[in-house]
Amino acid sequence: MRYEFIIAGEPSDTVRAAFPELTCTPAPAGGTAMYGPVRDFAHLRGLLARFDDLGLTVVEMRRLPD
């Protein structure tokens, strides 16, 4: 599975390093798109917990076609 997360603002290098499995690009409507492979539901929940722990606001999340 692949997922895309749109977060508010632009993450610092430290935040980017906390998500080595995700690629970061500017989102078309503002913010930052972070996307990449997600192994399973537990991994997805772990990513969401990491976003929360780092104080990031996930504006949108969607599963991408494989």
N, C-alpha and C. Protein backbone atom coordinates (compact mmCIF):
# COMPACT_ATOMS: atom_id res chain seq x y z
N MET A 1 0.84 -1.18 0.00
CA MET A 1 0.00 0.00 0.00
C MET A 1 0.88 1.24 0.00
N ARG A 2 0.38 2.29 -0.61
CA ARG A 2 1.05 3.60 -0.56
C ARG A 2 0.04 4.62 -0.08
N TYR A 3 0.52 5.54 0.75
CA TYR A 3 -0.34 6.60 1.28
C TYR A 3 0.30 7.95 1.05
N GLU A 4 -0.55 8.96 0.98
CA GLU A 4 -0.10 10.36 0.92
C GLU A 4 -0.73 11.09 2.09
N PHE A 5 0.10 11.86 2.78
CA PHE A 5 -0.35 12.68 3.89
C PHE A 5 -0.05 14.13 3.54
N ILE A 6 -1.03 15.00 3.63
CA ILE A 6 -0.81 16.42 3.43
C ILE A 6 -0.76 17.04 4.82
N ILE A 7 0.36 17.70 5.11
CA ILE A 7 0.50 18.33 6.42
C ILE A 7 0.56 19.84 6.24
N ALA A 8 0.13 20.55 7.26
CA ALA A 8 0.17 22.01 7.24
C ALA A 8 1.61 22.47 7.39
N GLY A 9 1.98 23.49 6.61
CA GLY A 9 3.31 24.08 6.73
C GLY A 9 4.39 23.26 6.06
N GLU A 10 5.63 23.66 6.34
CA GLU A 10 6.80 22.99 5.77
C GLU A 10 7.62 22.38 6.90
N PRO A 11 7.82 21.07 6.88
CA PRO A 11 8.54 20.43 7.98
C PRO A 11 10.03 20.77 7.97
N SER A 12 10.60 20.80 9.14
CA SER A 12 12.04 21.04 9.27
C SER A 12 12.80 19.78 8.83
N ASP A 13 14.10 19.92 8.69
CA ASP A 13 14.94 18.77 8.34
C ASP A 13 14.83 17.68 9.40
N THR A 14 14.71 18.07 10.66
CA THR A 14 14.58 17.10 11.75
C THR A 14 13.30 16.30 11.61
N VAL A 15 12.20 16.98 11.27
CA VAL A 15 10.92 16.30 11.08
C VAL A 15 11.00 15.38 9.87
N ARG A 16 11.59 15.84 8.81
CA ARG A 16 11.74 15.00 7.61
C ARG A 16 12.53 13.74 7.94
N ALA A 17 13.56 13.88 8.76
CA ALA A 17 14.39 12.74 9.14
C ALA A 17 13.61 11.73 9.98
N ALA A 18 12.56 12.17 10.65
CA ALA A 18 11.74 11.28 11.47
C ALA A 18 10.86 10.37 10.61
N PHE A 19 10.78 10.64 9.31
CA PHE A 19 9.96 9.86 8.39
C PHE A 19 10.81 9.40 7.20
N PRO A 20 11.82 8.55 7.45
CA PRO A 20 12.71 8.16 6.35
C PRO A 20 12.01 7.38 5.24
N GLU A 21 10.86 6.78 5.54
CA GLU A 21 10.14 6.00 4.54
C GLU A 21 9.27 6.86 3.63
N LEU A 22 9.15 8.15 3.94
CA LEU A 22 8.28 9.03 3.16
C LEU A 22 9.09 10.05 2.35
N THR A 23 8.57 10.39 1.18
CA THR A 23 9.14 11.43 0.33
C THR A 23 8.33 12.70 0.57
N CYS A 24 9.00 13.84 0.65
CA CYS A 24 8.34 15.12 0.89
C CYS A 24 8.42 16.00 -0.34
N THR A 25 7.28 16.60 -0.70
CA THR A 25 7.21 17.57 -1.79
C THR A 25 6.20 18.64 -1.42
N PRO A 26 6.32 19.84 -1.99
CA PRO A 26 5.30 20.85 -1.74
C PRO A 26 3.94 20.37 -2.26
N ALA A 27 2.90 20.58 -1.49
CA ALA A 27 1.54 20.20 -1.92
C ALA A 27 0.97 21.29 -2.82
N PRO A 28 0.22 20.92 -3.85
CA PRO A 28 -0.32 21.90 -4.80
C PRO A 28 -1.16 23.00 -4.15
N ALA A 29 -1.92 22.66 -3.12
CA ALA A 29 -2.80 23.66 -2.49
C ALA A 29 -2.16 24.28 -1.24
N GLY A 30 -0.88 24.07 -1.05
CA GLY A 30 -0.18 24.58 0.13
C GLY A 30 0.13 23.45 1.09
N GLY A 31 1.06 23.69 1.97
CA GLY A 31 1.49 22.65 2.89
C GLY A 31 2.50 21.73 2.23
N THR A 32 2.64 20.55 2.78
CA THR A 32 3.62 19.58 2.29
C THR A 32 2.97 18.23 2.11
N ALA A 33 3.25 17.59 0.98
CA ALA A 33 2.80 16.23 0.73
C ALA A 33 3.92 15.29 1.15
N MET A 34 3.58 14.31 1.96
CA MET A 34 4.52 13.27 2.37
C MET A 34 3.89 11.95 1.95
N TYR A 35 4.62 11.17 1.14
CA TYR A 35 4.03 9.95 0.61
C TYR A 35 5.06 8.83 0.54
N GLY A 36 4.53 7.61 0.57
CA GLY A 36 5.41 6.45 0.48
C GLY A 36 4.69 5.18 0.87
N PRO A 37 5.46 4.08 0.93
CA PRO A 37 4.86 2.78 1.24
C PRO A 37 4.46 2.67 2.70
N VAL A 38 3.35 1.99 2.91
CA VAL A 38 2.87 1.68 4.26
C VAL A 38 2.63 0.17 4.28
N ARG A 39 3.35 -0.52 5.16
CA ARG A 39 3.32 -1.99 5.17
C ARG A 39 1.96 -2.57 5.55
N ASP A 40 1.36 -2.01 6.60
CA ASP A 40 0.11 -2.56 7.11
C ASP A 40 -0.56 -1.52 8.00
N PHE A 41 -1.69 -1.92 8.60
CA PHE A 41 -2.45 -0.99 9.42
C PHE A 41 -1.65 -0.52 10.64
N ALA A 42 -0.86 -1.39 11.22
CA ALA A 42 -0.04 -1.01 12.38
C ALA A 42 0.98 0.06 11.99
N HIS A 43 1.58 -0.08 10.82
CA HIS A 43 2.53 0.93 10.33
C HIS A 43 1.82 2.26 10.12
N LEU A 44 0.62 2.22 9.54
CA LEU A 44 -0.17 3.44 9.32
C LEU A 44 -0.46 4.14 10.64
N ARG A 45 -0.89 3.38 11.63
CA ARG A 45 -1.17 3.96 12.95
C ARG A 45 0.10 4.53 13.57
N GLY A 46 1.23 3.87 13.35
CA GLY A 46 2.50 4.38 13.86
C GLY A 46 2.89 5.70 13.20
N LEU A 47 2.67 5.81 11.90
CA LEU A 47 2.95 7.07 11.20
C LEU A 47 2.08 8.19 11.75
N LEU A 48 0.79 7.90 11.93
CA LEU A 48 -0.12 8.92 12.46
C LEU A 48 0.28 9.33 13.87
N ALA A 49 0.73 8.38 14.67
CA ALA A 49 1.20 8.70 16.02
C ALA A 49 2.45 9.57 15.96
N ARG A 50 3.35 9.29 15.02
CA ARG A 50 4.56 10.11 14.85
C ARG A 50 4.20 11.53 14.47
N PHE A 51 3.26 11.69 13.52
CA PHE A 51 2.81 13.04 13.16
C PHE A 51 2.30 13.77 14.40
N ASP A 52 1.48 13.08 15.18
CA ASP A 52 0.91 13.67 16.39
C ASP A 52 1.99 14.02 17.41
N ASP A 53 2.92 13.10 17.64
CA ASP A 53 4.00 13.33 18.61
C ASP A 53 4.85 14.55 18.24
N LEU A 54 4.99 14.78 16.94
CA LEU A 54 5.81 15.91 16.48
C LEU A 54 4.99 17.20 16.32
N GLY A 55 3.71 17.15 16.69
CA GLY A 55 2.88 18.34 16.63
C GLY A 55 2.48 18.76 15.23
N LEU A 56 2.48 17.81 14.30
CA LEU A 56 2.13 18.12 12.92
C LEU A 56 0.63 17.94 12.71
N THR A 57 0.05 18.81 11.91
CA THR A 57 -1.37 18.72 11.58
C THR A 57 -1.52 18.04 10.24
N VAL A 58 -2.15 16.87 10.23
CA VAL A 58 -2.44 16.16 8.98
C VAL A 58 -3.76 16.72 8.46
N VAL A 59 -3.68 17.41 7.34
CA VAL A 59 -4.84 18.06 6.73
C VAL A 59 -5.63 17.06 5.90
N GLU A 60 -4.91 16.14 5.26
CA GLU A 60 -5.55 15.16 4.39
C GLU A 60 -4.70 13.90 4.37
N MET A 61 -5.37 12.75 4.23
CA MET A 61 -4.68 11.47 4.11
C MET A 61 -5.45 10.64 3.10
N ARG A 62 -4.71 9.99 2.21
CA ARG A 62 -5.41 9.14 1.25
C ARG A 62 -4.51 8.01 0.80
N ARG A 63 -5.14 6.89 0.46
CA ARG A 63 -4.42 5.77 -0.08
C ARG A 63 -4.20 6.01 -1.58
N LEU A 64 -2.99 5.79 -2.02
CA LEU A 64 -2.65 5.98 -3.43
C LEU A 64 -2.77 4.65 -4.18
N PRO A 65 -3.05 4.72 -5.47
CA PRO A 65 -3.08 3.47 -6.25
C PRO A 65 -1.70 2.81 -6.26
N ASP A 66 -1.70 1.50 -6.23
CA ASP A 66 -0.42 0.77 -6.26
C ASP A 66 0.21 0.77 -7.62
